[in-house]
Protein backbone atom coordinates (compact mmCIF):
# COMPACT_ATOMS: atom_id res chain seq x y z
CA UNK A 1 112.02 103.32 100.55
CA UNK A 2 111.94 104.84 97.18
CA UNK A 3 115.17 104.72 95.20
CA UNK A 4 116.42 108.12 93.88
CA UNK A 5 115.71 107.22 90.28
CA UNK A 6 112.13 106.80 90.62
CA UNK A 7 109.46 109.60 90.31
CA UNK A 8 109.84 110.61 93.99
CA UNK A 9 111.24 113.93 92.77
CA UNK A 10 107.89 114.76 91.36
CA UNK A 11 106.09 113.97 94.57
CA UNK A 12 104.73 117.08 96.34
CA UNK A 13 102.13 117.70 99.00
CA UNK A 14 98.93 116.14 98.14
CA UNK A 15 100.47 113.45 95.98
CA UNK A 16 98.96 110.31 96.13
CA UNK A 17 100.97 106.90 96.82
CA UNK A 18 99.67 103.25 96.32
CA UNK A 19 101.51 100.63 98.29
CA UNK A 20 101.11 96.91 97.31
CA UNK A 21 101.03 96.00 101.16
CA UNK A 22 99.22 97.65 104.19
CA UNK A 23 101.57 99.46 106.63
CA UNK A 24 102.29 97.89 109.78
CA UNK A 25 102.36 99.71 112.97
CA UNK A 26 105.84 100.42 114.62
CA UNK A 27 106.02 98.48 118.01
CA UNK A 28 106.91 100.24 121.18
CA UNK A 29 110.11 99.59 122.92
CA UNK A 30 110.38 96.26 124.46
CA UNK A 31 113.51 96.65 126.83
CA UNK A 32 113.94 99.77 129.08
CA UNK A 33 116.21 102.18 127.77
CA UNK A 34 115.74 100.87 123.99
CA UNK A 35 115.20 103.39 121.46
CA UNK A 36 111.67 104.42 120.85
CA UNK A 37 111.10 104.67 117.23
CA UNK A 38 107.63 105.25 117.40
CA UNK A 39 108.05 108.03 119.60
CA UNK A 40 110.64 109.19 117.19
CA UNK A 41 108.42 109.06 114.50
CA UNK A 42 105.52 110.65 116.41
CA UNK A 43 107.98 113.63 116.98
CA UNK A 44 108.51 114.10 113.21
CA UNK A 45 104.44 113.92 113.00
CA UNK A 46 104.79 110.64 111.18
CA UNK A 47 101.55 108.54 111.87
CA UNK A 48 99.58 105.88 110.10
């Protein structure tokens, strides 16, 4: 999450972002019928 008053507006394709922690993999749904957030992100072509 980036607040709107940061330098986010200056980001463009190819920009590098340095994080203070490692990304954590999103767990698959644990219950039948539960929202599949990992699948949702994959549909948006967001992986790590």
